[in-house]
mmCIF file of all heavy atoms, coordinates in Angstrom:
data_MODEL
# 
_entry.id   MODEL 
# 
loop_
_atom_site.group_PDB 
_atom_site.id 
_atom_site.type_symbol 
_atom_site.label_atom_id 
_atom_site.label_alt_id 
_atom_site.label_comp_id 
_atom_site.label_asym_id 
_atom_site.label_entity_id 
_atom_site.label_seq_id 
_atom_site.pdbx_PDB_ins_code 
_atom_site.Cartn_x 
_atom_site.Cartn_y 
_atom_site.Cartn_z 
_atom_site.occupancy 
_atom_site.B_iso_or_equiv 
_atom_site.pdbx_formal_charge 
_atom_site.auth_seq_id 
_atom_site.auth_comp_id 
_atom_site.auth_asym_id 
_atom_site.auth_atom_id 
_atom_site.pdbx_PDB_model_num 
ATOM 1   N N   . ALA A 1 1  ? -143.155 -62.321 -34.444 1.00 0.00 ? 1  ALA A N   1 
ATOM 2   C CA  . ALA A 1 1  ? -143.127 -63.762 -34.176 1.00 0.00 ? 1  ALA A CA  1 
ATOM 3   C C   . ALA A 1 1  ? -141.735 -64.338 -34.430 1.00 0.00 ? 1  ALA A C   1 
ATOM 4   O O   . ALA A 1 1  ? -141.264 -65.208 -33.687 1.00 0.00 ? 1  ALA A O   1 
ATOM 5   C CB  . ALA A 1 1  ? -144.170 -64.470 -35.039 1.00 0.00 ? 1  ALA A CB  1 
ATOM 6   N N   . GLY A 1 2  ? -141.058 -63.861 -35.498 1.00 0.00 ? 2  GLY A N   1 
ATOM 7   C CA  . GLY A 1 2  ? -139.700 -64.321 -35.759 1.00 0.00 ? 2  GLY A CA  1 
ATOM 8   C C   . GLY A 1 2  ? -138.740 -63.909 -34.667 1.00 0.00 ? 2  GLY A C   1 
ATOM 9   O O   . GLY A 1 2  ? -137.867 -64.683 -34.254 1.00 0.00 ? 2  GLY A O   1 
ATOM 10  N N   . ARG A 1 3  ? -138.887 -62.680 -34.178 1.00 0.00 ? 3  ARG A N   1 
ATOM 11  C CA  . ARG A 1 3  ? -138.055 -62.224 -33.063 1.00 0.00 ? 3  ARG A CA  1 
ATOM 12  C C   . ARG A 1 3  ? -138.267 -63.095 -31.836 1.00 0.00 ? 3  ARG A C   1 
ATOM 13  O O   . ARG A 1 3  ? -137.310 -63.494 -31.151 1.00 0.00 ? 3  ARG A O   1 
ATOM 14  C CB  . ARG A 1 3  ? -138.384 -60.774 -32.748 1.00 0.00 ? 3  ARG A CB  1 
ATOM 15  C CG  . ARG A 1 3  ? -137.612 -60.189 -31.562 1.00 0.00 ? 3  ARG A CG  1 
ATOM 16  C CD  . ARG A 1 3  ? -138.327 -58.979 -31.022 1.00 0.00 ? 3  ARG A CD  1 
ATOM 17  N NE  . ARG A 1 3  ? -139.605 -59.327 -30.421 1.00 0.00 ? 3  ARG A NE  1 
ATOM 18  C CZ  . ARG A 1 3  ? -140.601 -58.468 -30.285 1.00 0.00 ? 3  ARG A CZ  1 
ATOM 19  N NH1 . ARG A 1 3  ? -140.499 -57.225 -30.734 1.00 0.00 ? 3  ARG A NH1 1 
ATOM 20  N NH2 . ARG A 1 3  ? -141.730 -58.849 -29.701 1.00 0.00 ? 3  ARG A NH2 1 
ATOM 21  N N   . ASP A 1 4  ? -139.522 -63.397 -31.534 1.00 0.00 ? 4  ASP A N   1 
ATOM 22  C CA  . ASP A 1 4  ? -139.807 -64.223 -30.363 1.00 0.00 ? 4  ASP A CA  1 
ATOM 23  C C   . ASP A 1 4  ? -139.222 -65.625 -30.527 1.00 0.00 ? 4  ASP A C   1 
ATOM 24  O O   . ASP A 1 4  ? -138.771 -66.241 -29.549 1.00 0.00 ? 4  ASP A O   1 
ATOM 25  C CB  . ASP A 1 4  ? -141.315 -64.303 -30.134 1.00 0.00 ? 4  ASP A CB  1 
ATOM 26  C CG  . ASP A 1 4  ? -141.902 -62.956 -29.736 1.00 0.00 ? 4  ASP A CG  1 
ATOM 27  O OD1 . ASP A 1 4  ? -141.128 -62.090 -29.278 1.00 0.00 ? 4  ASP A OD1 1 
ATOM 28  O OD2 . ASP A 1 4  ? -143.125 -62.780 -29.887 1.00 0.00 ? 4  ASP A OD2 1 
ATOM 29  N N   . LEU A 1 5  ? -139.222 -66.138 -31.773 1.00 0.00 ? 5  LEU A N   1 
ATOM 30  C CA  . LEU A 1 5  ? -138.614 -67.451 -32.013 1.00 0.00 ? 5  LEU A CA  1 
ATOM 31  C C   . LEU A 1 5  ? -137.115 -67.407 -31.761 1.00 0.00 ? 5  LEU A C   1 
ATOM 32  O O   . LEU A 1 5  ? -136.541 -68.313 -31.161 1.00 0.00 ? 5  LEU A O   1 
ATOM 33  C CB  . LEU A 1 5  ? -138.902 -67.904 -33.443 1.00 0.00 ? 5  LEU A CB  1 
ATOM 34  C CG  . LEU A 1 5  ? -138.254 -69.235 -33.866 1.00 0.00 ? 5  LEU A CG  1 
ATOM 35  C CD1 . LEU A 1 5  ? -138.761 -70.378 -32.996 1.00 0.00 ? 5  LEU A CD1 1 
ATOM 36  C CD2 . LEU A 1 5  ? -138.516 -69.523 -35.340 1.00 0.00 ? 5  LEU A CD2 1 
ATOM 37  N N   . LEU A 1 6  ? -136.457 -66.332 -32.202 1.00 0.00 ? 6  LEU A N   1 
ATOM 38  C CA  . LEU A 1 6  ? -135.023 -66.191 -31.961 1.00 0.00 ? 6  LEU A CA  1 
ATOM 39  C C   . LEU A 1 6  ? -134.718 -66.126 -30.475 1.00 0.00 ? 6  LEU A C   1 
ATOM 40  O O   . LEU A 1 6  ? -133.801 -66.790 -29.979 1.00 0.00 ? 6  LEU A O   1 
ATOM 41  C CB  . LEU A 1 6  ? -134.503 -64.940 -32.662 1.00 0.00 ? 6  LEU A CB  1 
ATOM 42  C CG  . LEU A 1 6  ? -133.042 -64.573 -32.358 1.00 0.00 ? 6  LEU A CG  1 
ATOM 43  C CD1 . LEU A 1 6  ? -132.103 -65.653 -32.862 1.00 0.00 ? 6  LEU A CD1 1 
ATOM 44  C CD2 . LEU A 1 6  ? -132.688 -63.222 -32.971 1.00 0.00 ? 6  LEU A CD2 1 
ATOM 45  N N   . LEU A 1 7  ? -135.485 -65.341 -29.736 1.00 0.00 ? 7  LEU A N   1 
ATOM 46  C CA  . LEU A 1 7  ? -135.271 -65.253 -28.291 1.00 0.00 ? 7  LEU A CA  1 
ATOM 47  C C   . LEU A 1 7  ? -135.508 -66.603 -27.620 1.00 0.00 ? 7  LEU A C   1 
ATOM 48  O O   . LEU A 1 7  ? -134.796 -66.972 -26.669 1.00 0.00 ? 7  LEU A O   1 
ATOM 49  C CB  . LEU A 1 7  ? -136.198 -64.194 -27.699 1.00 0.00 ? 7  LEU A CB  1 
ATOM 50  C CG  . LEU A 1 7  ? -135.910 -62.748 -28.114 1.00 0.00 ? 7  LEU A CG  1 
ATOM 51  C CD1 . LEU A 1 7  ? -136.980 -61.812 -27.583 1.00 0.00 ? 7  LEU A CD1 1 
ATOM 52  C CD2 . LEU A 1 7  ? -134.535 -62.315 -27.634 1.00 0.00 ? 7  LEU A CD2 1 
ATOM 53  N N   . ALA A 1 8  ? -136.498 -67.349 -28.123 1.00 0.00 ? 8  ALA A N   1 
ATOM 54  C CA  . ALA A 1 8  ? -136.742 -68.683 -27.578 1.00 0.00 ? 8  ALA A CA  1 
ATOM 55  C C   . ALA A 1 8  ? -135.557 -69.604 -27.846 1.00 0.00 ? 8  ALA A C   1 
ATOM 56  O O   . ALA A 1 8  ? -135.211 -70.443 -27.003 1.00 0.00 ? 8  ALA A O   1 
ATOM 57  C CB  . ALA A 1 8  ? -138.020 -69.263 -28.181 1.00 0.00 ? 8  ALA A CB  1 
ATOM 58  N N   . GLN A 1 9  ? -134.909 -69.441 -29.022 1.00 0.00 ? 9  GLN A N   1 
ATOM 59  C CA  . GLN A 1 9  ? -133.727 -70.246 -29.323 1.00 0.00 ? 9  GLN A CA  1 
ATOM 60  C C   . GLN A 1 9  ? -132.576 -69.908 -28.388 1.00 0.00 ? 9  GLN A C   1 
ATOM 61  O O   . GLN A 1 9  ? -131.826 -70.787 -27.961 1.00 0.00 ? 9  GLN A O   1 
ATOM 62  C CB  . GLN A 1 9  ? -133.315 -70.032 -30.777 1.00 0.00 ? 9  GLN A CB  1 
ATOM 63  C CG  . GLN A 1 9  ? -134.251 -70.668 -31.784 1.00 0.00 ? 9  GLN A CG  1 
ATOM 64  C CD  . GLN A 1 9  ? -134.291 -72.175 -31.644 1.00 0.00 ? 9  GLN A CD  1 
ATOM 65  O OE1 . GLN A 1 9  ? -133.263 -72.827 -31.584 1.00 0.00 ? 9  GLN A OE1 1 
ATOM 66  N NE2 . GLN A 1 9  ? -135.496 -72.725 -31.560 1.00 0.00 ? 9  GLN A NE2 1 
ATOM 67  N N   . ILE A 1 10 ? -132.422 -68.625 -28.059 1.00 0.00 ? 10 ILE A N   1 
ATOM 68  C CA  . ILE A 1 10 ? -131.373 -68.230 -27.112 1.00 0.00 ? 10 ILE A CA  1 
ATOM 69  C C   . ILE A 1 10 ? -131.637 -68.868 -25.751 1.00 0.00 ? 10 ILE A C   1 
ATOM 70  O O   . ILE A 1 10 ? -130.732 -69.414 -25.107 1.00 0.00 ? 10 ILE A O   1 
ATOM 71  C CB  . ILE A 1 10 ? -131.306 -66.697 -27.012 1.00 0.00 ? 10 ILE A CB  1 
ATOM 72  C CG1 . ILE A 1 10 ? -130.861 -66.093 -28.346 1.00 0.00 ? 10 ILE A CG1 1 
ATOM 73  C CG2 . ILE A 1 10 ? -130.375 -66.275 -25.885 1.00 0.00 ? 10 ILE A CG2 1 
ATOM 74  C CD1 . ILE A 1 10 ? -130.858 -64.584 -28.363 1.00 0.00 ? 10 ILE A CD1 1 
ATOM 75  N N   . LYS A 1 11 ? -132.878 -68.800 -25.292 1.00 0.00 ? 11 LYS A N   1 
ATOM 76  C CA  . LYS A 1 11 ? -133.228 -69.398 -24.004 1.00 0.00 ? 11 LYS A CA  1 
ATOM 77  C C   . LYS A 1 11 ? -133.018 -70.909 -24.022 1.00 0.00 ? 11 LYS A C   1 
ATOM 78  O O   . LYS A 1 11 ? -132.565 -71.502 -23.038 1.00 0.00 ? 11 LYS A O   1 
ATOM 79  C CB  . LYS A 1 11 ? -134.678 -69.076 -23.652 1.00 0.00 ? 11 LYS A CB  1 
ATOM 80  C CG  . LYS A 1 11 ? -134.934 -67.606 -23.366 1.00 0.00 ? 11 LYS A CG  1 
ATOM 81  C CD  . LYS A 1 11 ? -136.392 -67.338 -23.046 1.00 0.00 ? 11 LYS A CD  1 
ATOM 82  C CE  . LYS A 1 11 ? -136.818 -68.012 -21.768 1.00 0.00 ? 11 LYS A CE  1 
ATOM 83  N NZ  . LYS A 1 11 ? -138.197 -67.632 -21.368 1.00 0.00 ? 11 LYS A NZ  1 
ATOM 84  N N   . ALA A 1 12 ? -133.338 -71.558 -25.157 1.00 0.00 ? 12 ALA A N   1 
ATOM 85  C CA  . ALA A 1 12 ? -133.211 -73.011 -25.245 1.00 0.00 ? 12 ALA A CA  1 
ATOM 86  C C   . ALA A 1 12 ? -131.757 -73.457 -25.186 1.00 0.00 ? 12 ALA A C   1 
ATOM 87  O O   . ALA A 1 12 ? -131.485 -74.595 -24.782 1.00 0.00 ? 12 ALA A O   1 
ATOM 88  C CB  . ALA A 1 12 ? -133.866 -73.509 -26.527 1.00 0.00 ? 12 ALA A CB  1 
ATOM 89  N N   . ARG A 1 13 ? -130.830 -72.602 -25.579 1.00 0.00 ? 13 ARG A N   1 
ATOM 90  C CA  . ARG A 1 13 ? -129.423 -72.978 -25.588 1.00 0.00 ? 13 ARG A CA  1 
ATOM 91  C C   . ARG A 1 13 ? -128.715 -72.674 -24.276 1.00 0.00 ? 13 ARG A C   1 
ATOM 92  O O   . ARG A 1 13 ? -127.528 -72.915 -24.146 1.00 0.00 ? 13 ARG A O   1 
ATOM 93  C CB  . ARG A 1 13 ? -128.723 -72.284 -26.761 1.00 0.00 ? 13 ARG A CB  1 
ATOM 94  C CG  . ARG A 1 13 ? -128.953 -73.016 -28.071 1.00 0.00 ? 13 ARG A CG  1 
ATOM 95  C CD  . ARG A 1 13 ? -128.709 -72.163 -29.292 1.00 0.00 ? 13 ARG A CD  1 
ATOM 96  N NE  . ARG A 1 13 ? -128.780 -72.945 -30.514 1.00 0.00 ? 13 ARG A NE  1 
ATOM 97  C CZ  . ARG A 1 13 ? -129.897 -73.403 -31.052 1.00 0.00 ? 13 ARG A CZ  1 
ATOM 98  N NH1 . ARG A 1 13 ? -131.059 -73.157 -30.458 1.00 0.00 ? 13 ARG A NH1 1 
ATOM 99  N NH2 . ARG A 1 13 ? -129.886 -74.125 -32.163 1.00 0.00 ? 13 ARG A NH2 1 
ATOM 100 N N   . LEU A 1 14 ? -129.434 -72.131 -23.321 1.00 0.00 ? 14 LEU A N   1 
ATOM 101 C CA  . LEU A 1 14 ? -128.866 -71.927 -21.995 1.00 0.00 ? 14 LEU A CA  1 
ATOM 102 C C   . LEU A 1 14 ? -128.860 -73.239 -21.220 1.00 0.00 ? 14 LEU A C   1 
ATOM 103 O O   . LEU A 1 14 ? -129.719 -74.097 -21.430 1.00 0.00 ? 14 LEU A O   1 
ATOM 104 C CB  . LEU A 1 14 ? -129.678 -70.880 -21.227 1.00 0.00 ? 14 LEU A CB  1 
ATOM 105 C CG  . LEU A 1 14 ? -129.656 -69.455 -21.783 1.00 0.00 ? 14 LEU A CG  1 
ATOM 106 C CD1 . LEU A 1 14 ? -130.618 -68.573 -20.996 1.00 0.00 ? 14 LEU A CD1 1 
ATOM 107 C CD2 . LEU A 1 14 ? -128.255 -68.873 -21.754 1.00 0.00 ? 14 LEU A CD2 1 
ATOM 108 N N   . PRO A 1 15 ? -127.903 -73.421 -20.321 1.00 0.00 ? 15 PRO A N   1 
ATOM 109 C CA  . PRO A 1 15 ? -127.903 -74.640 -19.509 1.00 0.00 ? 15 PRO A CA  1 
ATOM 110 C C   . PRO A 1 15 ? -129.080 -74.666 -18.544 1.00 0.00 ? 15 PRO A C   1 
ATOM 111 O O   . PRO A 1 15 ? -129.775 -73.663 -18.328 1.00 0.00 ? 15 PRO A O   1 
ATOM 112 C CB  . PRO A 1 15 ? -126.565 -74.562 -18.762 1.00 0.00 ? 15 PRO A CB  1 
ATOM 113 C CG  . PRO A 1 15 ? -126.220 -73.114 -18.747 1.00 0.00 ? 15 PRO A CG  1 
ATOM 114 C CD  . PRO A 1 15 ? -126.762 -72.537 -20.021 1.00 0.00 ? 15 PRO A CD  1 
ATOM 115 N N   . ALA A 1 16 ? -129.301 -75.826 -17.939 1.00 0.00 ? 16 ALA A N   1 
ATOM 116 C CA  . ALA A 1 16 ? -130.454 -75.996 -17.044 1.00 0.00 ? 16 ALA A CA  1 
ATOM 117 C C   . ALA A 1 16 ? -130.362 -75.098 -15.822 1.00 0.00 ? 16 ALA A C   1 
ATOM 118 O O   . ALA A 1 16 ? -131.391 -74.764 -15.225 1.00 0.00 ? 16 ALA A O   1 
ATOM 119 C CB  . ALA A 1 16 ? -130.559 -77.459 -16.625 1.00 0.00 ? 16 ALA A CB  1 
ATOM 120 N N   . THR A 1 17 ? -129.152 -74.691 -15.441 1.00 0.00 ? 17 THR A N   1 
ATOM 121 C CA  . THR A 1 17 ? -128.980 -73.852 -14.257 1.00 0.00 ? 17 THR A CA  1 
ATOM 122 C C   . THR A 1 17 ? -129.136 -72.364 -14.554 1.00 0.00 ? 17 THR A C   1 
ATOM 123 O O   . THR A 1 17 ? -128.926 -71.538 -13.663 1.00 0.00 ? 17 THR A O   1 
ATOM 124 C CB  . THR A 1 17 ? -127.596 -74.093 -13.641 1.00 0.00 ? 17 THR A CB  1 
ATOM 125 O OG1 . THR A 1 17 ? -126.588 -73.858 -14.632 1.00 0.00 ? 17 THR A OG1 1 
ATOM 126 C CG2 . THR A 1 17 ? -127.472 -75.524 -13.138 1.00 0.00 ? 17 THR A CG2 1 
ATOM 127 N N   . ALA A 1 18 ? -129.484 -72.012 -15.802 1.00 0.00 ? 18 ALA A N   1 
ATOM 128 C CA  . ALA A 1 18 ? -129.608 -70.604 -16.181 1.00 0.00 ? 18 ALA A CA  1 
ATOM 129 C C   . ALA A 1 18 ? -131.031 -70.297 -16.633 1.00 0.00 ? 18 ALA A C   1 
ATOM 130 O O   . ALA A 1 18 ? -131.736 -71.173 -17.147 1.00 0.00 ? 18 ALA A O   1 
ATOM 131 C CB  . ALA A 1 18 ? -128.624 -70.260 -17.299 1.00 0.00 ? 18 ALA A CB  1 
ATOM 132 N N   . SER A 1 19 ? -131.442 -69.041 -16.440 1.00 0.00 ? 19 SER A N   1 
ATOM 133 C CA  . SER A 1 19 ? -132.761 -68.602 -16.886 1.00 0.00 ? 19 SER A CA  1 
ATOM 134 C C   . SER A 1 19 ? -132.664 -67.165 -17.367 1.00 0.00 ? 19 SER A C   1 
ATOM 135 O O   . SER A 1 19 ? -131.832 -66.385 -16.901 1.00 0.00 ? 19 SER A O   1 
ATOM 136 C CB  . SER A 1 19 ? -133.787 -68.714 -15.759 1.00 0.00 ? 19 SER A CB  1 
ATOM 137 O OG  . SER A 1 19 ? -133.468 -67.816 -14.706 1.00 0.00 ? 19 SER A OG  1 
ATOM 138 N N   . LEU A 1 20 ? -133.531 -66.816 -18.335 1.00 0.00 ? 20 LEU A N   1 
ATOM 139 C CA  . LEU A 1 20 ? -133.543 -65.486 -18.910 1.00 0.00 ? 20 LEU A CA  1 
ATOM 140 C C   . LEU A 1 20 ? -134.993 -65.057 -19.124 1.00 0.00 ? 20 LEU A C   1 
ATOM 141 O O   . LEU A 1 20 ? -135.769 -65.777 -19.754 1.00 0.00 ? 20 LEU A O   1 
ATOM 142 C CB  . LEU A 1 20 ? -132.799 -65.474 -20.251 1.00 0.00 ? 20 LEU A CB  1 
ATOM 143 C CG  . LEU A 1 20 ? -132.862 -64.168 -21.055 1.00 0.00 ? 20 LEU A CG  1 
ATOM 144 C CD1 . LEU A 1 20 ? -132.174 -63.037 -20.302 1.00 0.00 ? 20 LEU A CD1 1 
ATOM 145 C CD2 . LEU A 1 20 ? -132.223 -64.367 -22.431 1.00 0.00 ? 20 LEU A CD2 1 
ATOM 146 N N   . THR A 1 21 ? -135.347 -63.886 -18.570 1.00 0.00 ? 21 THR A N   1 
ATOM 147 C CA  . THR A 1 21 ? -136.694 -63.335 -18.758 1.00 0.00 ? 21 THR A CA  1 
ATOM 148 C C   . THR A 1 21 ? -136.588 -61.849 -19.075 1.00 0.00 ? 21 THR A C   1 
ATOM 149 O O   . THR A 1 21 ? -135.555 -61.217 -18.827 1.00 0.00 ? 21 THR A O   1 
ATOM 150 C CB  . THR A 1 21 ? -137.563 -63.535 -17.502 1.00 0.00 ? 21 THR A CB  1 
ATOM 151 O OG1 . THR A 1 21 ? -136.951 -62.849 -16.392 1.00 0.00 ? 21 THR A OG1 1 
ATOM 152 C CG2 . THR A 1 21 ? -137.709 -65.010 -17.166 1.00 0.00 ? 21 THR A CG2 1 
ATOM 153 N N   . TRP A 1 22 ? -137.680 -61.289 -19.631 1.00 0.00 ? 22 TRP A N   1 
ATOM 154 C CA  . TRP A 1 22 ? -137.761 -59.870 -19.906 1.00 0.00 ? 22 TRP A CA  1 
ATOM 155 C C   . TRP A 1 22 ? -139.230 -59.474 -19.863 1.00 0.00 ? 22 TRP A C   1 
ATOM 156 O O   . TRP A 1 22 ? -140.130 -60.283 -20.086 1.00 0.00 ? 22 TRP A O   1 
ATOM 157 C CB  . TRP A 1 22 ? -137.150 -59.540 -21.266 1.00 0.00 ? 22 TRP A CB  1 
ATOM 158 C CG  . TRP A 1 22 ? -137.738 -60.323 -22.397 1.00 0.00 ? 22 TRP A CG  1 
ATOM 159 C CD1 . TRP A 1 22 ? -138.788 -59.984 -23.183 1.00 0.00 ? 22 TRP A CD1 1 
ATOM 160 C CD2 . TRP A 1 22 ? -137.314 -61.619 -22.842 1.00 0.00 ? 22 TRP A CD2 1 
ATOM 161 N NE1 . TRP A 1 22 ? -139.050 -60.968 -24.094 1.00 0.00 ? 22 TRP A NE1 1 
ATOM 162 C CE2 . TRP A 1 22 ? -138.159 -61.989 -23.909 1.00 0.00 ? 22 TRP A CE2 1 
ATOM 163 C CE3 . TRP A 1 22 ? -136.302 -62.498 -22.445 1.00 0.00 ? 22 TRP A CE3 1 
ATOM 164 C CZ2 . TRP A 1 22 ? -138.024 -63.190 -24.576 1.00 0.00 ? 22 TRP A CZ2 1 
ATOM 165 C CZ3 . TRP A 1 22 ? -136.169 -63.705 -23.122 1.00 0.00 ? 22 TRP A CZ3 1 
ATOM 166 C CH2 . TRP A 1 22 ? -137.016 -64.030 -24.173 1.00 0.00 ? 22 TRP A CH2 1 
ATOM 167 N N   . SER A 1 23 ? -139.482 -58.202 -19.563 1.00 0.00 ? 23 SER A N   1 
ATOM 168 C CA  . SER A 1 23 ? -140.868 -57.734 -19.437 1.00 0.00 ? 23 SER A CA  1 
ATOM 169 C C   . SER A 1 23 ? -141.474 -57.375 -20.780 1.00 0.00 ? 23 SER A C   1 
ATOM 170 O O   . SER A 1 23 ? -142.676 -57.594 -21.009 1.00 0.00 ? 23 SER A O   1 
ATOM 171 C CB  . SER A 1 23 ? -140.937 -56.531 -18.492 1.00 0.00 ? 23 SER A CB  1 
ATOM 172 O OG  . SER A 1 23 ? -140.140 -55.464 -18.989 1.00 0.00 ? 23 SER A OG  1 
ATOM 173 N N   . SER A 1 24 ? -140.699 -56.816 -21.710 1.00 0.00 ? 24 SER A N   1 
ATOM 174 C CA  . SER A 1 24 ? -141.210 -56.466 -23.026 1.00 0.00 ? 24 SER A CA  1 
ATOM 175 C C   . SER A 1 24 ? -140.049 -56.380 -24.003 1.00 0.00 ? 24 SER A C   1 
ATOM 176 O O   . SER A 1 24 ? -138.882 -56.239 -23.604 1.00 0.00 ? 24 SER A O   1 
ATOM 177 C CB  . SER A 1 24 ? -141.975 -55.138 -22.992 1.00 0.00 ? 24 SER A CB  1 
ATOM 178 O OG  . SER A 1 24 ? -141.120 -54.081 -22.609 1.00 0.00 ? 24 SER A OG  1 
ATOM 179 N N   . ALA A 1 25 ? -140.381 -56.491 -25.296 1.00 0.00 ? 25 ALA A N   1 
ATOM 180 C CA  . ALA A 1 25 ? -139.369 -56.447 -26.350 1.00 0.00 ? 25 ALA A CA  1 
ATOM 181 C C   . ALA A 1 25 ? -139.847 -55.546 -27.475 1.00 0.00 ? 25 ALA A C   1 
ATOM 182 O O   . ALA A 1 25 ? -141.034 -55.468 -27.771 1.00 0.00 ? 25 ALA A O   1 
ATOM 183 C CB  . ALA A 1 25 ? -139.083 -57.858 -26.876 1.00 0.00 ? 25 ALA A CB  1 
# 
């Protein structure tokens, strides 16, 4: 859950024109 929160923080700091996805971690 902590890892997923960190990844969510990385995604949140991307600009509106950027997106980041992954299939598994």
